[in-house]
Amino acid sequence: MFELGWEEGGEAWRWRRRLWVWEEELLVACRQLLDGVTVQANVIDRWQWDPDIHAGYTVRGAYQILTDSGSSAFDAARDLVWHKQVPLKVSIVAWRLLKDRLPTRSNLHRRGIIPSEGDLCVSGCGHAETASHLFLHCDVFGSL
């Protein structure tokens, strides 16, 4: 990547297809991480897990970082969402709901999958179809 150029507009950032909005957000975060990286010739590389330098990388530690950096709603509900007595498919839907990753019309429009006039709620209420609207505010579906 360094040889191709990882600066803005460099060859390392060329993609075969157009990126989705969420991928572009991840790309911005990746570029911000790489801004502080300096590649030096004739210096031995080494890997270091910054969150826990002594114990190193663990799946548990990585999972805690990923879940702790999310929204406060997820932090408060994490034990309920991932409870061992909750079926896995229910936990996954609840997790996607809290992370706003459900395929609502609003999310599909934001990702360029459907046109802007197609993001209204399927109930015909005239509001944008967001997860919050569907699960809490919609007169038709909110009561379910």
N, C-alpha and C. Protein backbone atom coordinates (compact mmCIF):
# COMPACT_ATOMS: atom_id res chain seq x y z
N MET A 1 0.83 -1.19 0.00
CA MET A 1 0.00 0.00 0.00
C MET A 1 0.87 1.25 0.00
N PHE A 2 1.94 1.20 0.77
CA PHE A 2 2.80 2.38 0.86
C PHE A 2 3.39 2.71 -0.52
N GLU A 3 3.84 1.67 -1.24
CA GLU A 3 4.43 1.90 -2.56
C GLU A 3 3.41 2.43 -3.55
N LEU A 4 2.14 2.01 -3.42
CA LEU A 4 1.08 2.50 -4.31
C LEU A 4 0.64 3.91 -3.95
N GLY A 5 0.90 4.31 -2.74
CA GLY A 5 0.53 5.64 -2.28
C GLY A 5 -0.75 5.63 -1.48
N TRP A 6 -0.65 5.77 -0.16
CA TRP A 6 -1.85 5.76 0.67
C TRP A 6 -2.31 7.15 1.05
N GLU A 7 -1.72 8.17 0.43
CA GLU A 7 -2.20 9.53 0.63
C GLU A 7 -3.54 9.68 -0.09
N GLU A 8 -4.22 10.79 0.16
CA GLU A 8 -5.52 11.06 -0.47
C GLU A 8 -5.39 10.97 -1.98
N GLY A 9 -6.19 10.13 -2.63
CA GLY A 9 -6.16 9.97 -4.08
C GLY A 9 -5.10 9.02 -4.58
N GLY A 10 -4.35 8.36 -3.66
CA GLY A 10 -3.30 7.43 -4.07
C GLY A 10 -3.88 6.16 -4.68
N GLU A 11 -3.06 5.44 -5.41
CA GLU A 11 -3.49 4.21 -6.09
C GLU A 11 -3.94 3.12 -5.11
N ALA A 12 -3.49 3.17 -3.87
CA ALA A 12 -3.88 2.15 -2.89
C ALA A 12 -5.36 2.24 -2.53
N TRP A 13 -6.00 3.36 -2.84
CA TRP A 13 -7.40 3.58 -2.48
C TRP A 13 -8.34 3.46 -3.67
N ARG A 14 -7.95 2.79 -4.72
CA ARG A 14 -8.82 2.58 -5.88
C ARG A 14 -9.58 1.27 -5.70
N TRP A 15 -10.87 1.29 -5.97
CA TRP A 15 -11.73 0.12 -5.75
C TRP A 15 -12.37 -0.32 -7.05
N ARG A 16 -12.69 -1.61 -7.16
CA ARG A 16 -13.32 -2.15 -8.36
C ARG A 16 -14.76 -1.71 -8.50
N ARG A 17 -15.40 -1.38 -7.40
CA ARG A 17 -16.79 -0.95 -7.43
C ARG A 17 -16.95 0.27 -6.55
N ARG A 18 -18.10 0.92 -6.68
CA ARG A 18 -18.41 2.07 -5.83
C ARG A 18 -18.67 1.59 -4.41
N LEU A 19 -18.09 2.25 -3.42
CA LEU A 19 -18.23 1.84 -2.02
C LEU A 19 -19.59 2.26 -1.49
N TRP A 20 -20.13 1.44 -0.57
CA TRP A 20 -21.35 1.79 0.15
C TRP A 20 -21.01 2.89 1.16
N VAL A 21 -22.02 3.58 1.65
CA VAL A 21 -21.81 4.68 2.59
C VAL A 21 -21.09 4.18 3.84
N TRP A 22 -21.51 3.03 4.37
CA TRP A 22 -20.88 2.52 5.59
C TRP A 22 -19.44 2.12 5.34
N GLU A 23 -19.12 1.68 4.11
CA GLU A 23 -17.73 1.35 3.78
C GLU A 23 -16.89 2.61 3.68
N GLU A 24 -17.48 3.68 3.15
CA GLU A 24 -16.76 4.95 3.07
C GLU A 24 -16.45 5.48 4.47
N GLU A 25 -17.39 5.29 5.41
CA GLU A 25 -17.16 5.72 6.80
C GLU A 25 -16.00 4.93 7.40
N LEU A 26 -15.95 3.62 7.13
CA LEU A 26 -14.84 2.81 7.63
C LEU A 26 -13.52 3.22 6.98
N LEU A 27 -13.58 3.59 5.71
CA LEU A 27 -12.38 4.02 4.99
C LEU A 27 -11.81 5.30 5.59
N VAL A 28 -12.69 6.24 5.95
CA VAL A 28 -12.24 7.47 6.59
C VAL A 28 -11.55 7.15 7.92
N ALA A 29 -12.15 6.24 8.69
CA ALA A 29 -11.54 5.84 9.96
C ALA A 29 -10.19 5.18 9.74
N CYS A 30 -10.10 4.35 8.70
CA CYS A 30 -8.83 3.68 8.38
C CYS A 30 -7.76 4.70 8.01
N ARG A 31 -8.13 5.67 7.18
CA ARG A 31 -7.17 6.71 6.79
C ARG A 31 -6.69 7.51 8.00
N GLN A 32 -7.60 7.79 8.93
CA GLN A 32 -7.21 8.52 10.13
C GLN A 32 -6.22 7.71 10.96
N LEU A 33 -6.41 6.39 11.02
CA LEU A 33 -5.46 5.54 11.73
C LEU A 33 -4.10 5.54 11.05
N LEU A 34 -4.09 5.54 9.73
CA LEU A 34 -2.84 5.47 8.99
C LEU A 34 -2.10 6.80 8.92
N ASP A 35 -2.78 7.90 9.26
CA ASP A 35 -2.12 9.21 9.23
C ASP A 35 -0.92 9.26 10.16
N GLY A 36 -0.99 8.55 11.28
CA GLY A 36 0.11 8.58 12.24
C GLY A 36 1.18 7.53 11.99
N VAL A 37 1.06 6.76 10.92
CA VAL A 37 2.01 5.68 10.64
C VAL A 37 3.14 6.20 9.77
N THR A 38 4.36 5.89 10.18
CA THR A 38 5.53 6.25 9.41
C THR A 38 6.26 4.96 9.03
N VAL A 39 6.46 4.75 7.75
CA VAL A 39 7.17 3.57 7.27
C VAL A 39 8.64 3.93 7.14
N GLN A 40 9.49 3.13 7.79
CA GLN A 40 10.93 3.40 7.77
C GLN A 40 11.67 2.22 7.18
N ALA A 41 12.59 2.51 6.30
CA ALA A 41 13.41 1.46 5.71
C ALA A 41 14.46 1.00 6.72
N ASN A 42 14.85 -0.26 6.66
CA ASN A 42 15.91 -0.85 7.49
C ASN A 42 15.57 -0.83 8.98
N VAL A 43 14.28 -0.87 9.32
CA VAL A 43 13.87 -0.95 10.71
C VAL A 43 12.98 -2.18 10.85
N ILE A 44 13.23 -2.99 11.86
CA ILE A 44 12.47 -4.23 12.06
C ILE A 44 11.05 -3.89 12.52
N ASP A 45 10.07 -4.50 11.85
CA ASP A 45 8.67 -4.29 12.22
C ASP A 45 8.32 -5.16 13.42
N ARG A 46 7.35 -4.69 14.21
CA ARG A 46 6.84 -5.51 15.29
C ARG A 46 5.38 -5.15 15.50
N TRP A 47 4.60 -6.14 15.93
CA TRP A 47 3.18 -5.95 16.21
C TRP A 47 2.99 -5.72 17.69
N GLN A 48 2.10 -4.81 18.01
CA GLN A 48 1.80 -4.51 19.42
C GLN A 48 0.32 -4.24 19.54
N TRP A 49 -0.34 -4.88 20.49
CA TRP A 49 -1.76 -4.65 20.76
C TRP A 49 -1.84 -3.57 21.81
N ASP A 50 -2.10 -2.33 21.38
CA ASP A 50 -2.08 -1.17 22.27
C ASP A 50 -3.05 -1.25 23.44
N PRO A 51 -4.28 -1.77 23.26
CA PRO A 51 -5.19 -1.79 24.42
C PRO A 51 -4.66 -2.60 25.61
N ASP A 52 -3.84 -3.64 25.35
CA ASP A 52 -3.27 -4.43 26.44
C ASP A 52 -1.88 -4.89 26.01
N ILE A 53 -0.89 -4.07 26.27
CA ILE A 53 0.47 -4.34 25.81
C ILE A 53 1.05 -5.61 26.45
N HIS A 54 0.69 -5.88 27.71
CA HIS A 54 1.28 -7.01 28.43
C HIS A 54 0.65 -8.34 28.04
N ALA A 55 -0.67 -8.43 28.02
CA ALA A 55 -1.34 -9.69 27.69
C ALA A 55 -1.42 -9.91 26.18
N GLY A 56 -1.35 -8.84 25.41
CA GLY A 56 -1.45 -8.96 23.97
C GLY A 56 -2.89 -9.06 23.51
N TYR A 57 -3.05 -9.48 22.27
CA TYR A 57 -4.38 -9.57 21.68
C TYR A 57 -5.13 -10.79 22.19
N THR A 58 -6.40 -10.58 22.53
CA THR A 58 -7.31 -11.67 22.81
C THR A 58 -8.64 -11.36 22.13
N VAL A 59 -9.37 -12.39 21.77
CA VAL A 59 -10.68 -12.18 21.15
C VAL A 59 -11.60 -11.46 22.13
N ARG A 60 -11.53 -11.86 23.39
CA ARG A 60 -12.36 -11.22 24.42
C ARG A 60 -12.06 -9.72 24.51
N GLY A 61 -10.78 -9.36 24.51
CA GLY A 61 -10.40 -7.96 24.58
C GLY A 61 -10.87 -7.18 23.36
N ALA A 62 -10.74 -7.78 22.18
CA ALA A 62 -11.20 -7.11 20.96
C ALA A 62 -12.72 -6.94 20.99
N TYR A 63 -13.44 -7.96 21.44
CA TYR A 63 -14.90 -7.88 21.53
C TYR A 63 -15.32 -6.77 22.49
N GLN A 64 -14.64 -6.67 23.62
CA GLN A 64 -14.98 -5.62 24.60
C GLN A 64 -14.74 -4.24 24.01
N ILE A 65 -13.68 -4.06 23.26
CA ILE A 65 -13.41 -2.77 22.63
C ILE A 65 -14.49 -2.44 21.61
N LEU A 66 -14.86 -3.41 20.79
CA LEU A 66 -15.87 -3.17 19.76
C LEU A 66 -17.23 -2.85 20.35
N THR A 67 -17.61 -3.54 21.40
CA THR A 67 -18.93 -3.29 21.99
C THR A 67 -18.92 -2.08 22.90
N ASP A 68 -17.81 -1.79 23.56
CA ASP A 68 -17.76 -0.64 24.46
C ASP A 68 -17.68 0.68 23.72
N SER A 69 -17.22 0.67 22.47
CA SER A 69 -17.10 1.93 21.73
C SER A 69 -18.39 2.32 21.04
N GLY A 70 -19.44 1.51 21.18
CA GLY A 70 -20.71 1.78 20.53
C GLY A 70 -21.54 2.77 21.30
N SER A 71 -22.81 2.82 20.96
CA SER A 71 -23.72 3.76 21.59
C SER A 71 -24.02 3.37 23.03
N SER A 72 -24.47 4.34 23.82
CA SER A 72 -24.78 4.08 25.22
C SER A 72 -25.99 3.16 25.34
N ALA A 73 -26.90 3.20 24.36
CA ALA A 73 -28.06 2.30 24.38
C ALA A 73 -27.60 0.86 24.31
N PHE A 74 -26.59 0.59 23.48
CA PHE A 74 -26.09 -0.78 23.37
C PHE A 74 -25.35 -1.18 24.64
N ASP A 75 -24.59 -0.26 25.23
CA ASP A 75 -23.88 -0.57 26.46
C ASP A 75 -24.84 -0.99 27.57
N ALA A 76 -25.95 -0.27 27.67
CA ALA A 76 -26.92 -0.57 28.73
C ALA A 76 -27.65 -1.88 28.46
N ALA A 77 -27.85 -2.22 27.20
CA ALA A 77 -28.65 -3.40 26.86
C ALA A 77 -27.82 -4.61 26.49
N ARG A 78 -26.51 -4.51 26.49
CA ARG A 78 -25.65 -5.60 26.03
C ARG A 78 -25.92 -6.92 26.75
N ASP A 79 -26.06 -6.89 28.05
CA ASP A 79 -26.29 -8.13 28.79
C ASP A 79 -27.63 -8.77 28.45
N LEU A 80 -28.62 -7.94 28.15
CA LEU A 80 -29.92 -8.48 27.75
C LEU A 80 -29.90 -9.00 26.32
N VAL A 81 -29.22 -8.28 25.43
CA VAL A 81 -29.17 -8.68 24.03
C VAL A 81 -28.44 -10.01 23.87
N TRP A 82 -27.31 -10.14 24.53
CA TRP A 82 -26.48 -11.34 24.34
C TRP A 82 -26.65 -12.33 25.49
N HIS A 83 -27.80 -12.35 26.13
CA HIS A 83 -28.07 -13.30 27.21
C HIS A 83 -28.15 -14.71 26.64
N LYS A 84 -27.64 -15.69 27.37
CA LYS A 84 -27.57 -17.06 26.83
C LYS A 84 -28.95 -17.68 26.61
N GLN A 85 -29.98 -17.18 27.27
CA GLN A 85 -31.31 -17.75 27.07
C GLN A 85 -32.08 -17.08 25.94
N VAL A 86 -31.52 -16.04 25.34
CA VAL A 86 -32.16 -15.38 24.20
C VAL A 86 -31.68 -16.10 22.94
N PRO A 87 -32.61 -16.51 22.06
CA PRO A 87 -32.19 -17.17 20.82
C PRO A 87 -31.24 -16.28 20.01
N LEU A 88 -30.27 -16.91 19.38
CA LEU A 88 -29.24 -16.17 18.65
C LEU A 88 -29.83 -15.24 17.60
N LYS A 89 -30.82 -15.69 16.84
CA LYS A 89 -31.39 -14.84 15.80
C LYS A 89 -32.07 -13.61 16.38
N VAL A 90 -32.64 -13.73 17.58
CA VAL A 90 -33.24 -12.58 18.25
C VAL A 90 -32.15 -11.61 18.71
N SER A 91 -31.07 -12.15 19.23
CA SER A 91 -29.94 -11.31 19.66
C SER A 91 -29.36 -10.54 18.49
N ILE A 92 -29.24 -11.19 17.34
CA ILE A 92 -28.67 -10.54 16.17
C ILE A 92 -29.56 -9.41 15.69
N VAL A 93 -30.88 -9.63 15.64
CA VAL A 93 -31.80 -8.57 15.22
C VAL A 93 -31.75 -7.42 16.22
N ALA A 94 -31.72 -7.71 17.51
CA ALA A 94 -31.67 -6.66 18.52
C ALA A 94 -30.36 -5.87 18.42
N TRP A 95 -29.26 -6.57 18.20
CA TRP A 95 -27.96 -5.91 18.05
C TRP A 95 -27.96 -5.00 16.83
N ARG A 96 -28.48 -5.51 15.70
CA ARG A 96 -28.56 -4.70 14.48
C ARG A 96 -29.47 -3.50 14.68
N LEU A 97 -30.55 -3.67 15.44
CA LEU A 97 -31.45 -2.56 15.73
C LEU A 97 -30.73 -1.47 16.52
N LEU A 98 -30.01 -1.86 17.56
CA LEU A 98 -29.30 -0.88 18.38
C LEU A 98 -28.17 -0.19 17.63
N LYS A 99 -27.57 -0.88 16.68
CA LYS A 99 -26.48 -0.32 15.88
C LYS A 99 -26.99 0.38 14.62
N ASP A 100 -28.30 0.44 14.43
CA ASP A 100 -28.94 1.02 13.24
C ASP A 100 -28.41 0.37 11.96
N ARG A 101 -28.40 -0.95 11.94
CA ARG A 101 -27.93 -1.72 10.78
C ARG A 101 -29.03 -2.58 10.17
N LEU A 102 -30.28 -2.30 10.50
CA LEU A 102 -31.39 -3.02 9.88
C LEU A 102 -31.64 -2.43 8.49
N PRO A 103 -32.10 -3.25 7.54
CA PRO A 103 -32.32 -2.74 6.18
C PRO A 103 -33.63 -1.96 6.06
N THR A 104 -33.75 -0.88 6.81
CA THR A 104 -34.92 -0.02 6.70
C THR A 104 -34.79 0.78 5.39
N ARG A 105 -35.89 1.34 4.95
CA ARG A 105 -35.85 2.12 3.71
C ARG A 105 -34.92 3.31 3.83
N SER A 106 -34.87 3.91 4.99
CA SER A 106 -33.98 5.05 5.21
C SER A 106 -32.51 4.62 5.05
N ASN A 107 -32.14 3.48 5.64
CA ASN A 107 -30.77 2.98 5.51
C ASN A 107 -30.47 2.58 4.07
N LEU A 108 -31.44 1.96 3.39
CA LEU A 108 -31.23 1.56 1.99
C LEU A 108 -31.05 2.79 1.10
N HIS A 109 -31.79 3.86 1.38
CA HIS A 109 -31.62 5.10 0.62
C HIS A 109 -30.24 5.70 0.89
N ARG A 110 -29.82 5.73 2.15
CA ARG A 110 -28.52 6.31 2.51
C ARG A 110 -27.38 5.56 1.83
N ARG A 111 -27.56 4.27 1.59
CA ARG A 111 -26.52 3.46 0.93
C ARG A 111 -26.64 3.47 -0.59
N GLY A 112 -27.62 4.20 -1.11
CA GLY A 112 -27.77 4.32 -2.55
C GLY A 112 -28.45 3.15 -3.21
N ILE A 113 -29.19 2.33 -2.46
CA ILE A 113 -29.85 1.16 -3.02
C ILE A 113 -31.23 1.50 -3.57
N ILE A 114 -31.94 2.41 -2.90
CA ILE A 114 -33.24 2.84 -3.40
C ILE A 114 -33.23 4.36 -3.54
N PRO A 115 -34.10 4.90 -4.41
CA PRO A 115 -34.13 6.37 -4.59
C PRO A 115 -34.72 7.08 -3.38
N SER A 116 -34.51 8.38 -3.31
CA SER A 116 -34.93 9.17 -2.15
C SER A 116 -36.44 9.15 -1.94
N GLU A 117 -37.22 9.09 -3.02
CA GLU A 117 -38.67 9.07 -2.84
C GLU A 117 -39.16 7.72 -2.33
N GLY A 118 -38.31 6.72 -2.28
CA GLY A 118 -38.71 5.40 -1.81
C GLY A 118 -38.41 5.15 -0.35
N ASP A 119 -38.04 6.18 0.43
CA ASP A 119 -37.67 5.94 1.82
C ASP A 119 -38.81 6.15 2.81
N LEU A 120 -40.03 6.33 2.31
CA LEU A 120 -41.17 6.52 3.21
C LEU A 120 -41.68 5.18 3.73
N CYS A 121 -42.26 5.21 4.91
CA CYS A 121 -42.75 4.01 5.60
C CYS A 121 -43.78 3.28 4.74
N VAL A 122 -43.71 1.95 4.72
CA VAL A 122 -44.62 1.15 3.91
C VAL A 122 -46.05 1.20 4.42
N SER A 123 -46.27 1.67 5.63
CA SER A 123 -47.63 1.76 6.16
C SER A 123 -48.41 2.91 5.55
N GLY A 124 -47.72 3.80 4.84
CA GLY A 124 -48.38 4.93 4.21
C GLY A 124 -48.61 6.11 5.13
N CYS A 125 -47.93 6.15 6.26
CA CYS A 125 -48.13 7.23 7.23
C CYS A 125 -47.42 8.52 6.83
N GLY A 126 -46.51 8.45 5.84
CA GLY A 126 -45.84 9.65 5.37
C GLY A 126 -44.52 9.97 6.03
N HIS A 127 -44.10 9.19 7.02
CA HIS A 127 -42.82 9.42 7.71
C HIS A 127 -41.72 8.57 7.08
N ALA A 128 -40.48 8.99 7.26
CA ALA A 128 -39.35 8.20 6.78
C ALA A 128 -39.29 6.89 7.56
N GLU A 129 -38.97 5.81 6.85
CA GLU A 129 -38.93 4.49 7.49
C GLU A 129 -37.55 4.27 8.12
N THR A 130 -37.43 4.66 9.37
CA THR A 130 -36.23 4.40 10.16
C THR A 130 -36.55 3.32 11.18
N ALA A 131 -35.53 2.74 11.79
CA ALA A 131 -35.77 1.72 12.81
C ALA A 131 -36.54 2.31 13.98
N SER A 132 -36.20 3.50 14.38
CA SER A 132 -36.90 4.16 15.48
C SER A 132 -38.37 4.35 15.14
N HIS A 133 -38.65 4.79 13.92
CA HIS A 133 -40.05 4.98 13.52
C HIS A 133 -40.80 3.66 13.52
N LEU A 134 -40.22 2.63 12.90
CA LEU A 134 -40.92 1.35 12.79
C LEU A 134 -41.20 0.71 14.15
N PHE A 135 -40.22 0.73 15.03
CA PHE A 135 -40.36 0.00 16.29
C PHE A 135 -41.03 0.82 17.39
N LEU A 136 -41.02 2.15 17.28
CA LEU A 136 -41.54 2.97 18.38
C LEU A 136 -42.68 3.90 17.99
N HIS A 137 -42.60 4.57 16.84
CA HIS A 137 -43.50 5.67 16.55
C HIS A 137 -44.57 5.38 15.51
N CYS A 138 -44.41 4.36 14.71
CA CYS A 138 -45.35 4.09 13.64
C CYS A 138 -46.68 3.62 14.22
N ASP A 139 -47.78 4.23 13.74
CA ASP A 139 -49.10 3.86 14.23
C ASP A 139 -49.45 2.41 13.89
N VAL A 140 -48.96 1.92 12.76
CA VAL A 140 -49.30 0.56 12.33
C VAL A 140 -48.38 -0.47 12.97
N PHE A 141 -47.07 -0.28 12.83
CA PHE A 141 -46.10 -1.29 13.26
C PHE A 141 -45.58 -1.10 14.68
N GLY A 142 -45.64 0.09 15.21
CA GLY A 142 -45.11 0.37 16.54
C GLY A 142 -45.80 -0.42 17.63
N SER A 143 -47.07 -0.70 17.45
CA SER A 143 -47.80 -1.45 18.47
C SER A 143 -47.48 -2.94 18.45
N LEU A 144 -46.92 -3.43 17.36
CA LEU A 144 -46.56 -4.84 17.29
C LEU A 144 -45.41 -5.15 18.20
